[in-house]
Protein backbone atom coordinates (compact mmCIF):
# COMPACT_ATOMS: atom_id res chain seq x y z
CA MET A 1 -154.19 52.70 25.77
CA ILE A 2 -152.87 53.78 22.36
CA GLU A 3 -156.48 54.38 21.26
CA GLN A 4 -156.92 56.89 24.08
CA VAL A 5 -153.76 58.76 23.09
CA ILE A 6 -154.86 58.92 19.44
CA LEU A 7 -158.34 60.03 20.52
CA THR A 8 -156.80 62.79 22.65
CA HIS A 9 -154.60 63.83 19.73
CA SER A 10 -157.67 63.96 17.48
CA ILE A 11 -159.70 65.99 19.98
CA LEU A 12 -156.84 68.45 20.44
CA ILE A 13 -156.64 68.96 16.68
CA LYS A 14 -160.36 69.74 16.58
CA VAL A 15 -159.97 72.18 19.47
CA PHE A 16 -157.01 73.73 17.64
CA LEU A 17 -159.04 74.20 14.46
CA GLY A 18 -161.87 75.76 16.46
CA PHE A 19 -159.46 78.06 18.24
CA MET A 20 -157.87 79.17 14.97
CA ALA A 21 -161.31 79.77 13.44
CA ALA A 22 -162.30 81.88 16.45
CA GLY A 23 -159.01 83.78 16.10
CA LEU A 24 -160.17 85.04 12.71
CA PHE A 25 -162.45 87.45 14.59
CA ILE A 26 -159.57 89.20 16.40
CA PRO A 27 -158.88 91.73 13.61
CA PHE A 28 -162.58 92.63 13.45
CA VAL A 29 -163.10 92.97 17.20
CA THR A 30 -160.00 95.14 17.58
CA ALA A 31 -160.51 97.23 14.42
CA LYS A 32 -160.58 100.51 16.33
CA ASN A 33 -158.14 99.56 19.08
CA PRO A 34 -154.48 99.06 18.00
CA LYS A 35 -153.28 98.30 21.54
CA GLY A 36 -156.06 95.78 21.97
CA PHE A 37 -155.02 94.15 18.69
CA LYS A 38 -151.46 93.80 19.94
CA LYS A 39 -152.60 92.36 23.28
CA ALA A 40 -155.12 89.99 21.67
CA SER A 41 -152.44 88.86 19.22
CA PHE A 42 -150.10 88.08 22.12
CA ILE A 43 -152.74 86.05 23.95
CA TYR A 44 -153.69 84.27 20.71
CA THR A 45 -150.05 83.36 20.03
CA MET A 46 -149.51 81.98 23.52
CA VAL A 47 -152.66 79.82 23.41
CA PHE A 48 -151.81 78.77 19.82
CA GLN A 49 -148.38 77.58 20.93
CA ALA A 50 -149.81 75.81 23.98
CA ILE A 51 -152.36 73.84 21.99
CA ALA A 52 -149.85 73.08 19.20
CA SER A 53 -147.39 71.81 21.82
CA MET A 54 -150.06 69.58 23.35
CA ILE A 55 -150.81 68.18 19.89
CA ALA A 56 -147.11 67.53 19.28
CA PHE A 57 -146.73 65.85 22.68
CA THR A 58 -149.68 63.53 22.22
CA GLY A 59 -148.46 62.74 18.71
CA LEU A 60 -145.01 61.84 20.01
CA VAL A 61 -146.53 59.70 22.76
CA ALA A 62 -148.65 57.90 20.16
CA LEU A 63 -145.58 57.43 17.98
CA ALA A 64 -143.59 55.99 20.88
CA MET A 65 -146.42 53.75 22.12
CA GLY A 66 -147.74 52.57 18.79
CA THR A 67 -146.37 50.47 16.03
CA PHE A 68 -146.59 53.26 13.48
CA GLY A 69 -142.94 53.95 12.84
CA LEU A 70 -141.64 57.09 11.23
CA SER A 71 -143.72 57.07 8.06
CA LEU A 72 -144.01 59.79 5.46
CA SER A 73 -147.28 61.02 6.97
CA VAL A 74 -145.63 61.39 10.40
CA ILE A 75 -142.76 63.32 8.82
CA ILE A 76 -145.28 65.57 7.03
CA MET A 77 -147.08 66.19 10.34
CA ILE A 78 -143.81 67.17 12.03
CA VAL A 79 -142.90 69.53 9.18
CA ILE A 80 -146.36 71.14 9.23
CA TRP A 81 -146.17 71.55 13.02
CA GLY A 82 -142.78 73.28 12.70
CA LEU A 83 -144.08 75.47 9.89
CA LEU A 84 -147.15 76.46 11.91
CA MET A 85 -145.03 77.42 14.91
CA TYR A 86 -142.54 79.36 12.74
CA ILE A 87 -145.30 81.29 10.97
CA GLU A 88 -147.08 82.11 14.23
CA ILE A 89 -143.91 83.37 15.92
CA LYS A 90 -143.01 85.52 12.90
CA LYS A 91 -146.56 86.90 12.76
CA TYR A 92 -146.52 87.89 16.41
CA LYS A 93 -143.03 89.43 16.20
CA LEU A 94 -144.18 91.54 13.26
CA ILE A 95 -147.21 92.79 15.19
CA LYS A 96 -145.14 93.34 18.34
CA VAL A 97 -142.57 95.65 16.73
CA ALA A 98 -144.95 97.46 14.37
CA ASN A 99 -146.15 101.01 14.97
CA LEU A 100 -149.84 100.23 15.26
CA GLU A 101 -150.68 103.86 16.02
CA ASN A 102 -150.32 104.43 12.27
CA PRO A 103 -153.78 103.56 10.87
CA GLN A 104 -152.36 102.19 7.60
CA THR A 105 -149.96 99.87 9.44
CA HIS A 106 -152.75 98.71 11.71
CA THR A 107 -155.00 97.97 8.72
CA LEU A 108 -152.20 96.18 6.88
CA LEU A 109 -151.36 93.97 9.87
CA ARG A 110 -155.01 93.15 10.51
CA SER A 111 -155.27 92.00 6.90
CA ALA A 112 -152.03 90.02 7.20
CA PHE A 113 -153.31 88.42 10.42
CA LEU A 114 -156.40 87.17 8.57
CA LYS A 115 -154.47 85.86 5.58
CA ILE A 116 -151.82 84.12 7.67
CA SER A 117 -154.45 82.56 9.92
CA ALA A 118 -156.33 81.30 6.87
CA VAL A 119 -153.13 79.68 5.54
CA GLN A 120 -152.50 78.05 8.92
CA ILE A 121 -156.05 76.68 9.03
CA MET A 122 -155.65 75.30 5.52
CA LEU A 123 -152.39 73.56 6.49
CA VAL A 124 -154.09 71.81 9.40
CA ILE A 125 -157.14 70.88 7.30
CA MET A 126 -154.90 69.48 4.55
CA MET A 127 -153.07 67.31 7.09
CA VAL A 128 -156.35 66.07 8.58
CA VAL A 129 -157.68 65.20 5.11
CA LEU A 130 -154.40 63.45 4.27
CA LYS A 131 -154.60 61.32 7.44
CA VAL A 132 -158.28 60.50 6.90
CA MET A 133 -157.52 59.40 3.34
CA GLU A 134 -154.61 57.30 4.64
CA VAL A 135 -156.75 55.62 7.29
CA LYS A 136 -159.54 54.94 4.77
CA GLY A 137 -157.00 53.32 2.45
CA VAL A 138 -157.40 55.84 -0.37
CA ILE A 139 -153.68 56.66 -0.30
CA SER A 140 -150.65 54.98 1.22
CA LEU A 141 -147.84 57.02 2.81
CA SER A 142 -146.09 54.18 4.61
């Protein structure tokens, strides 16, 4: 049973990475449409939070069911999850209140969207690499 929960957690992380990679196209698709950028950013944020919450839930279920304990790697995962959610909420709030009718503001926020998304993707990739290295026995975070 625990294997299924961990497999689900793993699949959700892959879906999350794919979703975030696809989200990198939002600034390009909405380059000429500031209102579309705001709407696409809202939808992206909601789906981002939904998938991140599913990942957190399956992780907590695995933690409760398994014999893992609260190791350093689990603490790092929780911190990264909180950081991802915080960054995403701040990013959306910035886009929501900005005057996107101003072309310079729109361009600046599109650039910021790309950079922030790239940082978020790197955070998730770093955590995946860390866990793979831990499972392979290269490092020990117990």
